[in-house]
Amino acid sequence: MEKMIPSQLATLGHPHRLAVWRLLMRRFPDAVPAGEIAEATGLKNSTLSVYLSALKDSALIDKERQGTSIRYRAAIGSATTMLDYLFADCCRSRPELCMTLPSTSSRPLNVLFICTGNSARSLFAEALLRDMGAGRFRAFSAGTHPADAPNPLTLQMLADKGHATGDLRSKSIDEFAAERAPVMDFVFTVCDQAANEDCPAWPGQPISAHWGQPDPVRVTGTQAERMLAFQAAYGGLRNRVASFVALPFDALDRASLQRRVDAIAQNEETA
């Protein structure tokens, strides 16, 4: 695979091809239809098709058919080989030059959950980690386009589940990009739209993953139908947070930890 690296770097040297690849890396493990990629990047379908072909020819993405739809997914194995090669060469295999590994020895780990409105899913995750983390984590949440306030059904469900809600509010990711904001160890997107957006480069090189959940706020119908959607989002995130807090952080290197948080998104996490 190392023979592909010059071709891969040349392919990623084009800013629009790089943007498409970065989007699919943020969305991993999702397989994303071309129409959604075009909408997120602002590229014409014909132009995007050329870029997707170049990325696939360089083994940077995979293509698969799901029903009548063609979808694209980041080729994580190939990306890992390329980045490991660059790490060994440019960083001389010295982690302290290029990356740091979160440590649980001296302080709680800072974890940020991001969705679009910060009115439901990311607030669920924040409350869950705060209560399930046993003091080992500091949980935060934010939105790329935050709502004015948390959705009332979010607060109702959290209260019904025994979570404190008095300090929960909808807020912008700009708060966490400010100079004196906490440095994050982990950043998780919990909705597709937020993952499609090019968020700030977080200080400290946090480990990140995409734990996408359908948006319960968009569900219409009876009160019971809406509550069922909120319950599904809460339950899905509770399972993922439970898997996350059970990870043996001190026994994993950075690459292994990244693989484990990616696996959580696919509900494949094992002890």
Protein backbone atom coordinates (compact mmCIF):
# COMPACT_ATOMS: atom_id res chain seq x y z
CA MET A 1 0.00 0.00 0.00
CA GLU A 2 2.94 2.37 0.54
CA LYS A 3 3.39 2.50 -3.23
CA MET A 4 0.05 4.33 -3.38
CA ILE A 5 1.13 7.13 -1.05
CA PRO A 6 2.59 9.49 -3.71
CA SER A 7 -0.62 9.12 -5.74
CA GLN A 8 -2.73 9.68 -2.62
CA LEU A 9 -0.84 12.83 -1.67
CA ALA A 10 -1.14 14.14 -5.23
CA THR A 11 -4.87 13.45 -5.19
CA LEU A 12 -5.32 15.24 -1.88
CA GLY A 13 -3.24 18.16 -3.16
CA HIS A 14 -6.37 19.50 -4.86
CA PRO A 15 -8.42 21.51 -2.32
CA HIS A 16 -11.82 20.24 -3.46
CA ARG A 17 -10.76 16.59 -3.51
CA LEU A 18 -9.27 17.14 -0.07
CA ALA A 19 -12.55 18.66 1.13
CA VAL A 20 -14.52 15.62 -0.09
CA TRP A 21 -12.10 13.21 1.58
CA ARG A 22 -12.15 15.15 4.84
CA LEU A 23 -15.94 15.11 4.86
CA LEU A 24 -16.01 11.33 4.40
CA MET A 25 -13.37 10.92 7.10
CA ARG A 26 -15.54 12.96 9.48
CA ARG A 27 -18.58 10.87 8.55
CA PHE A 28 -16.88 7.49 8.97
CA PRO A 29 -18.25 4.84 9.37
CA ASP A 30 -21.21 6.20 7.40
CA ALA A 31 -21.52 5.50 3.69
CA VAL A 32 -22.74 8.79 2.20
CA PRO A 33 -24.68 9.27 -1.07
CA ALA A 34 -23.14 11.52 -3.70
CA GLY A 35 -26.08 13.94 -3.52
CA GLU A 36 -25.45 14.62 0.15
CA ILE A 37 -21.73 15.11 -0.50
CA ALA A 38 -22.54 17.57 -3.29
CA GLU A 39 -24.91 19.51 -1.05
CA ALA A 40 -22.40 19.67 1.80
CA THR A 41 -19.47 20.73 -0.40
CA GLY A 42 -21.32 22.92 -2.90
CA LEU A 43 -19.85 20.98 -5.83
CA LYS A 44 -21.71 20.27 -9.08
CA ASN A 45 -22.63 16.61 -9.53
CA SER A 46 -20.50 16.24 -12.66
CA THR A 47 -17.46 17.76 -10.95
CA LEU A 48 -17.97 15.72 -7.80
CA SER A 49 -18.13 12.52 -9.87
CA VAL A 50 -14.65 13.22 -11.23
CA TYR A 51 -13.29 13.89 -7.75
CA LEU A 52 -14.87 10.75 -6.30
CA SER A 53 -13.36 8.66 -9.08
CA ALA A 54 -9.91 10.11 -8.39
CA LEU A 55 -10.23 9.43 -4.67
CA LYS A 56 -11.36 5.86 -5.33
CA ASP A 57 -8.54 5.25 -7.82
CA SER A 58 -6.10 6.34 -5.10
CA ALA A 59 -7.70 3.90 -2.62
CA LEU A 60 -8.74 6.75 -0.34
CA ILE A 61 -12.47 5.95 -0.47
CA ASP A 62 -14.67 2.93 -1.16
CA LYS A 63 -17.86 2.79 -3.20
CA GLU A 64 -20.80 0.52 -2.47
CA ARG A 65 -24.38 0.05 -3.60
CA GLN A 66 -27.20 0.20 -1.06
CA GLY A 67 -30.42 -0.61 -2.88
CA THR A 68 -30.63 1.81 -5.79
CA SER A 69 -28.17 4.27 -4.23
CA ILE A 70 -24.39 4.46 -4.69
CA ARG A 71 -22.66 5.52 -1.50
CA TYR A 72 -19.11 6.43 -0.58
CA ARG A 73 -17.15 5.73 2.59
CA ALA A 74 -13.64 6.72 3.69
CA ALA A 75 -11.16 3.86 3.30
CA ILE A 76 -9.82 4.00 6.84
CA GLY A 77 -7.26 1.23 6.37
CA SER A 78 -5.63 3.03 3.46
CA ALA A 79 -5.77 6.36 5.27
CA THR A 80 -4.13 4.80 8.32
CA THR A 81 -1.28 3.42 6.20
CA MET A 82 -0.71 6.84 4.61
CA LEU A 83 -0.81 8.73 7.89
CA ASP A 84 1.35 6.16 9.69
CA TYR A 85 3.94 6.53 6.93
CA LEU A 86 3.91 10.31 7.25
CA PHE A 87 4.07 10.05 11.02
CA ALA A 88 7.11 7.76 10.89
CA ASP A 89 8.84 10.01 8.36
CA CYS A 90 7.88 13.55 9.36
CA CYS A 91 7.59 12.99 13.10
CA ARG A 92 10.46 10.51 13.26
CA SER A 93 8.12 8.13 15.10
CA ARG A 94 8.19 10.37 18.14
CA PRO A 95 4.63 10.92 19.41
CA GLU A 96 5.58 14.00 21.40
CA LEU A 97 6.42 15.83 18.16
CA CYS A 98 3.06 15.36 16.47
CA MET A 99 0.38 14.12 18.82
CA THR A 100 -0.51 13.55 22.40
CA LEU A 101 -2.48 10.77 24.01
CA PRO A 102 -5.16 11.63 26.55
CA SER A 103 -4.18 10.51 30.04
CA THR A 104 -6.56 9.73 32.87
CA SER A 105 -3.85 9.88 35.50
CA SER A 106 -3.98 13.55 36.48
CA ARG A 107 -7.36 15.02 35.49
CA PRO A 108 -10.77 14.17 34.09
CA LEU A 109 -10.94 13.85 30.30
CA ASN A 110 -12.76 16.64 28.47
CA VAL A 111 -15.37 15.39 25.98
CA LEU A 112 -17.38 17.59 23.60
CA PHE A 113 -20.53 16.40 21.80
CA ILE A 114 -21.62 18.40 18.74
CA CYS A 115 -24.86 18.45 16.77
CA THR A 116 -26.57 21.15 14.76
CA GLY A 117 -29.01 22.72 17.21
CA ASN A 118 -27.65 21.51 20.56
CA SER A 119 -31.25 21.05 21.60
CA ALA A 120 -31.56 17.26 21.90
CA ARG A 121 -28.93 14.70 20.89
CA SER A 122 -25.77 16.43 22.07
CA LEU A 123 -27.51 17.42 25.31
CA PHE A 124 -28.51 13.79 25.85
CA ALA A 125 -24.88 12.74 25.41
CA GLU A 126 -23.61 15.48 27.72
CA ALA A 127 -26.02 14.49 30.50
CA LEU A 128 -25.34 10.78 30.04
CA LEU A 129 -21.56 11.08 30.19
CA ARG A 130 -21.74 13.43 33.16
CA ASP A 131 -23.75 10.88 35.12
CA MET A 132 -22.20 7.64 33.81
CA GLY A 133 -18.58 8.79 33.84
CA ALA A 134 -18.09 8.49 37.60
CA GLY A 135 -16.11 11.73 37.77
CA ARG A 136 -13.55 10.61 35.16
CA PHE A 137 -14.89 12.95 32.46
CA ARG A 138 -16.01 16.53 32.01
CA ALA A 139 -18.86 16.52 29.50
CA PHE A 140 -19.74 19.43 27.21
CA SER A 141 -22.07 19.93 24.24
CA ALA A 142 -22.53 22.55 21.54
CA GLY A 143 -24.24 23.22 18.23
CA THR A 144 -22.98 24.44 14.88
CA HIS A 145 -26.23 26.44 14.57
CA PRO A 146 -27.59 26.35 18.11
CA ALA A 147 -31.27 26.69 18.96
CA ASP A 148 -32.44 29.36 21.36
CA ALA A 149 -33.01 26.76 24.08
CA PRO A 150 -33.13 22.99 24.64
CA ASN A 151 -36.17 21.25 23.24
CA PRO A 152 -38.76 20.83 26.04
CA LEU A 153 -39.03 17.11 25.29
CA THR A 154 -35.28 16.77 25.79
CA LEU A 155 -35.50 18.25 29.26
CA GLN A 156 -38.59 16.21 30.08
CA MET A 157 -36.97 12.94 29.06
CA LEU A 158 -33.74 13.65 30.90
CA ALA A 159 -35.64 14.57 34.05
CA ASP A 160 -37.75 11.42 33.75
CA LYS A 161 -34.53 9.39 33.50
CA GLY A 162 -33.14 10.98 36.65
CA HIS A 163 -30.65 13.41 35.09
CA ALA A 164 -30.19 16.95 36.40
CA THR A 165 -31.16 19.52 33.78
CA GLY A 166 -30.82 22.86 35.56
CA ASP A 167 -27.55 23.84 33.89
CA LEU A 168 -28.25 22.49 30.39
CA ARG A 169 -28.47 25.12 27.65
CA SER A 170 -28.08 25.38 23.90
CA LYS A 171 -24.76 26.98 22.95
CA SER A 172 -22.45 27.49 19.99
CA ILE A 173 -19.22 25.65 19.24
CA ASP A 174 -17.65 29.12 19.19
CA GLU A 175 -17.58 28.97 23.00
CA PHE A 176 -15.21 26.02 22.81
CA ALA A 177 -12.98 27.56 20.17
CA ALA A 178 -12.29 30.60 22.36
CA GLU A 179 -8.85 31.20 23.83
CA ARG A 180 -9.69 30.18 27.39
CA ALA A 181 -11.99 27.29 26.55
CA PRO A 182 -11.22 23.83 27.96
CA VAL A 183 -8.88 21.79 25.77
CA MET A 184 -10.79 18.77 24.52
CA ASP A 185 -9.51 15.20 24.64
CA PHE A 186 -12.42 13.84 22.58
CA VAL A 187 -14.85 15.47 20.14
CA PHE A 188 -17.86 13.51 18.89
CA THR A 189 -20.41 14.60 16.28
CA VAL A 190 -23.82 13.07 16.92
CA CYS A 191 -25.62 14.31 13.80
CA ASP A 192 -24.81 14.05 10.10
CA GLN A 193 -25.21 17.74 9.36
CA ALA A 194 -22.67 18.77 12.00
CA ALA A 195 -20.24 16.12 10.73
CA ASN A 196 -20.64 17.48 7.19
CA GLU A 197 -19.53 20.92 8.33
CA ASP A 198 -15.88 21.89 8.55
CA CYS A 199 -15.56 22.57 12.27
CA PRO A 200 -12.62 24.42 13.81
CA ALA A 201 -9.28 22.70 14.29
CA TRP A 202 -9.39 21.89 17.97
CA PRO A 203 -6.31 22.62 20.08
CA GLY A 204 -4.60 19.58 21.53
CA GLN A 205 -5.49 17.24 18.65
CA PRO A 206 -8.48 15.53 20.32
CA ILE A 207 -9.54 12.08 19.22
CA SER A 208 -12.79 12.38 17.27
CA ALA A 209 -15.52 10.15 15.92
CA HIS A 210 -18.96 10.37 14.35
CA TRP A 211 -21.78 8.84 16.42
CA GLY A 212 -24.68 9.94 14.20
CA GLN A 213 -28.24 9.64 15.46
CA PRO A 214 -31.51 10.60 13.71
CA ASP A 215 -32.84 13.97 14.85
CA PRO A 216 -35.86 13.46 17.14
CA VAL A 217 -36.74 17.15 16.90
CA ARG A 218 -37.71 16.67 13.24
CA VAL A 219 -40.26 13.96 14.02
CA THR A 220 -43.88 15.05 13.76
CA GLY A 221 -47.06 13.31 14.81
CA THR A 222 -48.66 12.57 18.14
CA GLN A 223 -46.98 13.27 21.46
CA ALA A 224 -46.42 9.53 21.86
CA GLU A 225 -44.74 9.28 18.44
CA ARG A 226 -42.48 12.22 19.20
CA MET A 227 -41.54 10.84 22.61
CA LEU A 228 -40.70 7.52 20.97
CA ALA A 229 -38.22 9.31 18.68
CA PHE A 230 -36.61 11.05 21.66
CA GLN A 231 -36.44 7.72 23.49
CA ALA A 232 -34.68 6.11 20.50
CA ALA A 233 -32.08 8.88 20.37
CA TYR A 234 -31.53 8.75 24.11
CA GLY A 235 -31.21 4.95 24.08
CA GLY A 236 -28.77 4.89 21.18
CA LEU A 237 -26.53 7.47 22.81
CA ARG A 238 -26.77 5.76 26.18
CA ASN A 239 -25.41 2.54 24.65
CA ARG A 240 -22.52 4.40 23.04
CA VAL A 241 -21.64 6.38 26.14
CA ALA A 242 -21.72 3.17 28.20
CA SER A 243 -19.27 1.55 25.76
CA PHE A 244 -17.07 4.64 25.82
CA VAL A 245 -16.74 4.89 29.61
CA ALA A 246 -15.90 1.15 29.76
CA LEU A 247 -12.82 1.56 27.53
CA PRO A 248 -9.45 0.74 29.17
CA PHE A 249 -8.01 4.18 28.39
CA ASP A 250 -4.66 3.70 30.12
CA ALA A 251 -4.05 0.39 28.32
CA LEU A 252 -4.60 1.72 24.78
CA ASP A 253 -2.31 3.68 22.50
CA ARG A 254 -3.77 6.51 20.44
CA ALA A 255 -4.37 4.43 17.31
CA SER A 256 -6.09 1.67 19.28
CA LEU A 257 -8.22 4.20 21.12
CA GLN A 258 -9.29 5.77 17.82
CA ARG A 259 -10.29 2.37 16.46
CA ARG A 260 -12.32 1.64 19.57
CA VAL A 261 -14.30 4.88 19.44
CA ASP A 262 -14.92 4.33 15.72
CA ALA A 263 -16.18 0.83 16.49
CA ILE A 264 -18.66 2.23 19.00
CA ALA A 265 -20.36 4.05 16.12
CA GLN A 266 -20.92 0.72 14.41
CA ASN A 267 -22.19 -0.88 17.62
CA GLU A 268 -19.25 -3.28 17.41
CA GLU A 269 -17.49 -2.22 20.59
CA THR A 270 -16.44 -5.17 22.72
CA ALA A 271 -14.76 -5.30 26.09
